[in-house]
Amino acid sequence: MSQIYQVIAPHRTNYPKPIQLTQGQTVLLGRMDDDPEGWKNWRYCWTIDRTMEGWVPEQIIQKNGAEGIITEDYCANELHVNEGDIVELFRELNDWGWCRRNEEEEMGWIPMRNLRLGT
């Protein structure tokens, strides 16, 4: 079930080419996020052919040494939003929300700290 949120702080992605993974895909495991922002349970990964890379939620990785198997389809796309935008939240994971802005087609992640429940 989705919920409506208002954006209370703008967000812009630092990753213009988000990693996209499918269930069952193998990835190379990198470091856990240890940045001062404190994003817990995010791991940096690469596709086996190293054509894509990005942050992946730890919860969807079945680890096997230096590699991992992705347990569900995943896209790291982040939405560009401005203060006052209205978004529909479909999933919350590791302090990020998977959202769609104003009933547009594009979906992506927004930090939950940039959102307020209701309009």
N, C-alpha and C. Protein backbone atom coordinates (compact mmCIF):
# COMPACT_ATOMS: atom_id res chain seq x y z
N MET A 1 0.85 -1.18 0.00
CA MET A 1 0.00 0.00 0.00
C MET A 1 0.89 1.25 0.00
N SER A 2 0.59 2.16 -0.87
CA SER A 2 1.40 3.37 -0.98
C SER A 2 0.86 4.48 -0.07
N GLN A 3 1.74 5.46 0.20
CA GLN A 3 1.36 6.62 1.00
C GLN A 3 1.85 7.88 0.29
N ILE A 4 1.17 8.99 0.56
CA ILE A 4 1.52 10.27 -0.03
C ILE A 4 2.42 11.05 0.93
N TYR A 5 3.52 11.59 0.38
CA TYR A 5 4.47 12.39 1.17
C TYR A 5 4.72 13.71 0.46
N GLN A 6 5.11 14.70 1.25
CA GLN A 6 5.54 15.98 0.70
C GLN A 6 7.05 16.07 0.87
N VAL A 7 7.73 16.57 -0.16
CA VAL A 7 9.17 16.76 -0.11
C VAL A 7 9.45 18.03 0.70
N ILE A 8 10.28 17.89 1.75
CA ILE A 8 10.58 19.04 2.60
C ILE A 8 12.01 19.56 2.37
N ALA A 9 12.79 18.84 1.57
CA ALA A 9 14.14 19.28 1.20
C ALA A 9 14.47 18.69 -0.17
N PRO A 10 15.07 19.47 -1.05
CA PRO A 10 15.37 18.97 -2.39
C PRO A 10 16.38 17.82 -2.35
N HIS A 11 16.36 17.00 -3.39
CA HIS A 11 17.34 15.91 -3.53
C HIS A 11 17.79 15.82 -4.98
N ARG A 12 19.08 15.67 -5.17
CA ARG A 12 19.69 15.47 -6.49
C ARG A 12 20.64 14.28 -6.37
N THR A 13 20.64 13.44 -7.37
CA THR A 13 21.51 12.26 -7.34
C THR A 13 22.94 12.62 -7.70
N ASN A 14 23.86 11.86 -7.15
CA ASN A 14 25.27 11.95 -7.52
C ASN A 14 25.65 10.82 -8.49
N TYR A 15 24.64 10.01 -8.87
CA TYR A 15 24.89 8.82 -9.69
C TYR A 15 23.97 8.84 -10.92
N PRO A 16 24.43 9.45 -12.02
CA PRO A 16 23.57 9.58 -13.20
C PRO A 16 23.33 8.26 -13.95
N LYS A 17 24.14 7.23 -13.70
CA LYS A 17 23.96 5.93 -14.35
C LYS A 17 23.72 4.88 -13.27
N PRO A 18 22.48 4.77 -12.78
CA PRO A 18 22.20 3.86 -11.66
C PRO A 18 22.35 2.39 -12.05
N ILE A 19 22.84 1.60 -11.11
CA ILE A 19 22.94 0.16 -11.33
C ILE A 19 21.54 -0.43 -11.37
N GLN A 20 21.33 -1.35 -12.30
CA GLN A 20 20.06 -2.07 -12.41
C GLN A 20 20.37 -3.57 -12.39
N LEU A 21 19.70 -4.29 -11.51
CA LEU A 21 19.99 -5.70 -11.31
C LEU A 21 18.70 -6.52 -11.37
N THR A 22 18.84 -7.78 -11.76
CA THR A 22 17.69 -8.67 -11.80
C THR A 22 17.89 -9.80 -10.79
N GLN A 23 16.79 -10.33 -10.33
CA GLN A 23 16.83 -11.44 -9.38
C GLN A 23 17.67 -12.56 -9.97
N GLY A 24 18.58 -13.10 -9.15
CA GLY A 24 19.45 -14.19 -9.57
C GLY A 24 20.77 -13.74 -10.17
N GLN A 25 20.92 -12.44 -10.42
CA GLN A 25 22.15 -11.91 -11.01
C GLN A 25 23.28 -11.93 -9.98
N THR A 26 24.50 -12.24 -10.43
CA THR A 26 25.68 -12.25 -9.57
C THR A 26 26.36 -10.90 -9.64
N VAL A 27 26.79 -10.40 -8.49
CA VAL A 27 27.52 -9.13 -8.41
C VAL A 27 28.82 -9.34 -7.63
N LEU A 28 29.76 -8.43 -7.86
CA LEU A 28 30.99 -8.38 -7.08
C LEU A 28 30.74 -7.45 -5.90
N LEU A 29 31.11 -7.87 -4.71
CA LEU A 29 30.83 -7.11 -3.50
C LEU A 29 31.96 -6.14 -3.17
N GLY A 30 31.59 -4.92 -2.88
CA GLY A 30 32.54 -3.91 -2.44
C GLY A 30 32.31 -3.59 -0.97
N ARG A 31 32.66 -2.37 -0.60
CA ARG A 31 32.59 -1.95 0.80
C ARG A 31 31.18 -1.60 1.23
N MET A 32 30.96 -1.70 2.53
CA MET A 32 29.73 -1.19 3.12
C MET A 32 29.85 0.31 3.23
N ASP A 33 28.74 1.03 3.14
CA ASP A 33 28.77 2.49 3.24
C ASP A 33 29.24 2.88 4.64
N ASP A 34 30.29 3.69 4.66
CA ASP A 34 30.81 4.17 5.94
C ASP A 34 30.95 5.69 5.93
N ASP A 35 30.22 6.33 5.02
CA ASP A 35 30.27 7.79 4.92
C ASP A 35 29.68 8.43 6.18
N PRO A 36 30.06 9.67 6.47
CA PRO A 36 29.55 10.36 7.66
C PRO A 36 28.04 10.55 7.66
N GLU A 37 27.40 10.48 6.48
CA GLU A 37 25.93 10.64 6.42
C GLU A 37 25.23 9.50 7.14
N GLY A 38 25.90 8.38 7.30
CA GLY A 38 25.35 7.28 8.08
C GLY A 38 24.33 6.42 7.38
N TRP A 39 24.50 6.15 6.10
CA TRP A 39 23.57 5.27 5.38
C TRP A 39 23.93 3.82 5.72
N LYS A 40 23.15 3.19 6.58
CA LYS A 40 23.43 1.83 7.02
C LYS A 40 22.82 0.81 6.07
N ASN A 41 23.50 -0.32 5.98
CA ASN A 41 23.05 -1.48 5.20
C ASN A 41 23.06 -1.26 3.70
N TRP A 42 23.95 -0.40 3.21
CA TRP A 42 24.15 -0.22 1.77
C TRP A 42 25.56 -0.72 1.43
N ARG A 43 25.66 -1.54 0.37
CA ARG A 43 26.94 -2.10 -0.06
C ARG A 43 27.20 -1.70 -1.51
N TYR A 44 28.43 -1.29 -1.79
CA TYR A 44 28.80 -0.93 -3.16
C TYR A 44 29.08 -2.21 -3.93
N CYS A 45 28.48 -2.34 -5.11
CA CYS A 45 28.60 -3.55 -5.92
C CYS A 45 28.89 -3.20 -7.37
N TRP A 46 29.44 -4.18 -8.09
CA TRP A 46 29.66 -4.11 -9.53
C TRP A 46 29.03 -5.32 -10.18
N THR A 47 28.54 -5.14 -11.40
CA THR A 47 28.12 -6.31 -12.17
C THR A 47 29.39 -7.10 -12.52
N ILE A 48 29.24 -8.37 -12.80
CA ILE A 48 30.39 -9.23 -13.10
C ILE A 48 31.21 -8.67 -14.26
N ASP A 49 30.53 -8.12 -15.27
CA ASP A 49 31.27 -7.57 -16.42
C ASP A 49 31.75 -6.14 -16.17
N ARG A 50 31.47 -5.62 -14.97
CA ARG A 50 31.87 -4.27 -14.53
C ARG A 50 31.33 -3.14 -15.41
N THR A 51 30.19 -3.38 -16.06
CA THR A 51 29.58 -2.31 -16.85
C THR A 51 28.69 -1.41 -16.02
N MET A 52 28.27 -1.88 -14.86
CA MET A 52 27.45 -1.07 -13.95
C MET A 52 27.98 -1.23 -12.53
N GLU A 53 27.79 -0.14 -11.75
CA GLU A 53 28.19 -0.18 -10.35
C GLU A 53 27.31 0.77 -9.56
N GLY A 54 27.21 0.51 -8.26
CA GLY A 54 26.42 1.39 -7.42
C GLY A 54 26.07 0.76 -6.09
N TRP A 55 25.30 1.51 -5.32
CA TRP A 55 24.90 1.08 -3.98
C TRP A 55 23.69 0.16 -4.05
N VAL A 56 23.76 -0.94 -3.29
CA VAL A 56 22.71 -1.97 -3.29
C VAL A 56 22.37 -2.25 -1.83
N PRO A 57 21.07 -2.39 -1.50
CA PRO A 57 20.70 -2.72 -0.12
C PRO A 57 21.23 -4.10 0.27
N GLU A 58 21.87 -4.17 1.41
CA GLU A 58 22.43 -5.42 1.93
C GLU A 58 21.38 -6.52 2.02
N GLN A 59 20.12 -6.14 2.29
CA GLN A 59 19.06 -7.13 2.50
C GLN A 59 18.72 -7.94 1.25
N ILE A 60 19.09 -7.46 0.07
CA ILE A 60 18.74 -8.20 -1.15
C ILE A 60 19.94 -8.92 -1.75
N ILE A 61 21.01 -9.07 -0.96
CA ILE A 61 22.21 -9.75 -1.43
C ILE A 61 22.41 -11.02 -0.61
N GLN A 62 22.50 -12.15 -1.31
CA GLN A 62 22.87 -13.42 -0.67
C GLN A 62 24.37 -13.57 -0.90
N LYS A 63 25.15 -13.37 0.15
CA LYS A 63 26.61 -13.31 0.02
C LYS A 63 27.24 -14.69 -0.10
N ASN A 64 28.28 -14.74 -0.96
CA ASN A 64 29.05 -15.96 -1.17
C ASN A 64 30.50 -15.55 -1.43
N GLY A 65 31.23 -15.30 -0.35
CA GLY A 65 32.61 -14.83 -0.48
C GLY A 65 32.64 -13.41 -1.01
N ALA A 66 33.39 -13.19 -2.10
CA ALA A 66 33.53 -11.86 -2.69
C ALA A 66 32.42 -11.53 -3.68
N GLU A 67 31.48 -12.46 -3.84
CA GLU A 67 30.36 -12.26 -4.76
C GLU A 67 29.04 -12.35 -4.00
N GLY A 68 27.98 -11.93 -4.67
CA GLY A 68 26.66 -12.03 -4.09
C GLY A 68 25.63 -12.30 -5.17
N ILE A 69 24.54 -12.93 -4.78
CA ILE A 69 23.41 -13.18 -5.68
C ILE A 69 22.29 -12.23 -5.27
N ILE A 70 21.73 -11.53 -6.24
CA ILE A 70 20.64 -10.58 -5.97
C ILE A 70 19.33 -11.36 -5.83
N THR A 71 18.60 -11.11 -4.75
CA THR A 71 17.39 -11.89 -4.43
C THR A 71 16.10 -11.29 -4.96
N GLU A 72 16.16 -10.06 -5.53
CA GLU A 72 14.97 -9.45 -6.14
C GLU A 72 15.44 -8.38 -7.13
N ASP A 73 14.60 -8.07 -8.09
CA ASP A 73 14.95 -7.01 -9.05
C ASP A 73 15.20 -5.72 -8.29
N TYR A 74 16.20 -4.95 -8.77
CA TYR A 74 16.57 -3.72 -8.07
C TYR A 74 17.10 -2.69 -9.06
N CYS A 75 16.73 -1.44 -8.83
CA CYS A 75 17.26 -0.31 -9.59
C CYS A 75 17.64 0.78 -8.59
N ALA A 76 18.84 1.35 -8.76
CA ALA A 76 19.33 2.37 -7.83
C ALA A 76 18.98 3.79 -8.27
N ASN A 77 18.04 3.95 -9.19
CA ASN A 77 17.66 5.28 -9.66
C ASN A 77 17.20 6.15 -8.49
N GLU A 78 17.72 7.37 -8.45
CA GLU A 78 17.29 8.35 -7.45
C GLU A 78 16.49 9.44 -8.15
N LEU A 79 15.42 9.88 -7.53
CA LEU A 79 14.59 10.94 -8.10
C LEU A 79 15.14 12.31 -7.76
N HIS A 80 15.13 13.19 -8.74
CA HIS A 80 15.39 14.61 -8.49
C HIS A 80 14.07 15.21 -8.03
N VAL A 81 14.05 15.78 -6.83
CA VAL A 81 12.83 16.40 -6.30
C VAL A 81 13.16 17.76 -5.71
N ASN A 82 12.14 18.59 -5.66
CA ASN A 82 12.25 19.92 -5.08
C ASN A 82 11.34 20.04 -3.87
N GLU A 83 11.66 20.95 -2.98
CA GLU A 83 10.80 21.20 -1.83
C GLU A 83 9.40 21.52 -2.31
N GLY A 84 8.40 20.90 -1.69
CA GLY A 84 7.01 21.12 -2.06
C GLY A 84 6.45 20.08 -3.01
N ASP A 85 7.32 19.31 -3.69
CA ASP A 85 6.82 18.25 -4.57
C ASP A 85 6.03 17.24 -3.75
N ILE A 86 5.06 16.62 -4.38
CA ILE A 86 4.28 15.56 -3.77
C ILE A 86 4.69 14.24 -4.42
N VAL A 87 4.98 13.23 -3.58
CA VAL A 87 5.40 11.93 -4.09
C VAL A 87 4.57 10.83 -3.44
N GLU A 88 4.51 9.72 -4.15
CA GLU A 88 3.84 8.53 -3.64
C GLU A 88 4.92 7.54 -3.25
N LEU A 89 4.93 7.12 -1.99
CA LEU A 89 5.93 6.19 -1.46
C LEU A 89 5.40 4.77 -1.56
N PHE A 90 6.20 3.88 -2.16
CA PHE A 90 5.82 2.48 -2.32
C PHE A 90 6.59 1.54 -1.41
N ARG A 91 7.82 1.94 -1.05
CA ARG A 91 8.65 1.07 -0.22
C ARG A 91 9.69 1.91 0.52
N GLU A 92 9.95 1.55 1.76
CA GLU A 92 11.00 2.19 2.53
C GLU A 92 12.05 1.14 2.87
N LEU A 93 13.32 1.49 2.66
CA LEU A 93 14.40 0.55 2.90
C LEU A 93 15.66 1.32 3.27
N ASN A 94 16.21 1.05 4.44
CA ASN A 94 17.48 1.65 4.88
C ASN A 94 17.45 3.17 4.82
N ASP A 95 16.36 3.76 5.30
CA ASP A 95 16.19 5.22 5.38
C ASP A 95 16.02 5.90 4.02
N TRP A 96 15.68 5.14 2.99
CA TRP A 96 15.36 5.67 1.66
C TRP A 96 13.97 5.18 1.27
N GLY A 97 13.27 5.99 0.48
CA GLY A 97 11.94 5.61 0.02
C GLY A 97 11.91 5.48 -1.49
N TRP A 98 11.28 4.40 -1.97
CA TRP A 98 11.07 4.18 -3.41
C TRP A 98 9.77 4.89 -3.78
N CYS A 99 9.87 5.93 -4.60
CA CYS A 99 8.76 6.86 -4.81
C CYS A 99 8.50 7.14 -6.29
N ARG A 100 7.32 7.68 -6.52
CA ARG A 100 6.95 8.24 -7.83
C ARG A 100 6.46 9.65 -7.57
N ARG A 101 6.94 10.61 -8.36
CA ARG A 101 6.58 12.01 -8.18
C ARG A 101 5.33 12.35 -8.99
N ASN A 102 4.33 12.94 -8.32
CA ASN A 102 3.15 13.51 -8.98
C ASN A 102 2.57 12.64 -10.09
N GLU A 103 2.50 11.36 -9.85
CA GLU A 103 1.93 10.40 -10.79
C GLU A 103 2.65 10.35 -12.13
N GLU A 104 3.92 10.74 -12.16
CA GLU A 104 4.74 10.58 -13.36
C GLU A 104 5.16 9.11 -13.45
N GLU A 105 5.69 8.72 -14.58
CA GLU A 105 6.10 7.33 -14.76
C GLU A 105 7.40 7.00 -14.03
N GLU A 106 8.37 7.93 -14.00
CA GLU A 106 9.67 7.64 -13.41
C GLU A 106 9.55 7.41 -11.91
N MET A 107 10.24 6.37 -11.47
CA MET A 107 10.30 6.06 -10.05
C MET A 107 11.74 6.07 -9.61
N GLY A 108 11.96 6.32 -8.31
CA GLY A 108 13.32 6.32 -7.80
C GLY A 108 13.36 6.52 -6.30
N TRP A 109 14.56 6.48 -5.77
CA TRP A 109 14.80 6.58 -4.33
C TRP A 109 14.97 8.04 -3.91
N ILE A 110 14.45 8.35 -2.73
CA ILE A 110 14.60 9.65 -2.09
C ILE A 110 14.92 9.38 -0.62
N PRO A 111 15.87 10.12 -0.03
CA PRO A 111 16.11 9.93 1.40
C PRO A 111 14.84 10.24 2.20
N MET A 112 14.50 9.38 3.14
CA MET A 112 13.29 9.58 3.94
C MET A 112 13.35 10.86 4.76
N ARG A 113 14.56 11.32 5.11
CA ARG A 113 14.67 12.56 5.88
C ARG A 113 14.25 13.77 5.05
N ASN A 114 14.10 13.62 3.73
CA ASN A 114 13.65 14.71 2.86
C ASN A 114 12.14 14.69 2.66
N LEU A 115 11.44 13.77 3.34
CA LEU A 115 9.99 13.60 3.15
C LEU A 115 9.23 13.79 4.44
N ARG A 116 7.98 14.26 4.30
CA ARG A 116 7.05 14.37 5.43
C ARG A 116 5.74 13.76 5.02
N LEU A 117 5.18 12.92 5.86
CA LEU A 117 3.92 12.25 5.59
C LEU A 117 2.81 13.24 5.38
N GLY A 118 1.98 13.01 4.39
CA GLY A 118 0.81 13.86 4.14
C GLY A 118 1.12 15.01 3.23
N THR A 119 0.08 15.74 2.89
CA THR A 119 0.26 16.88 1.97
C THR A 119 -0.10 18.18 2.65
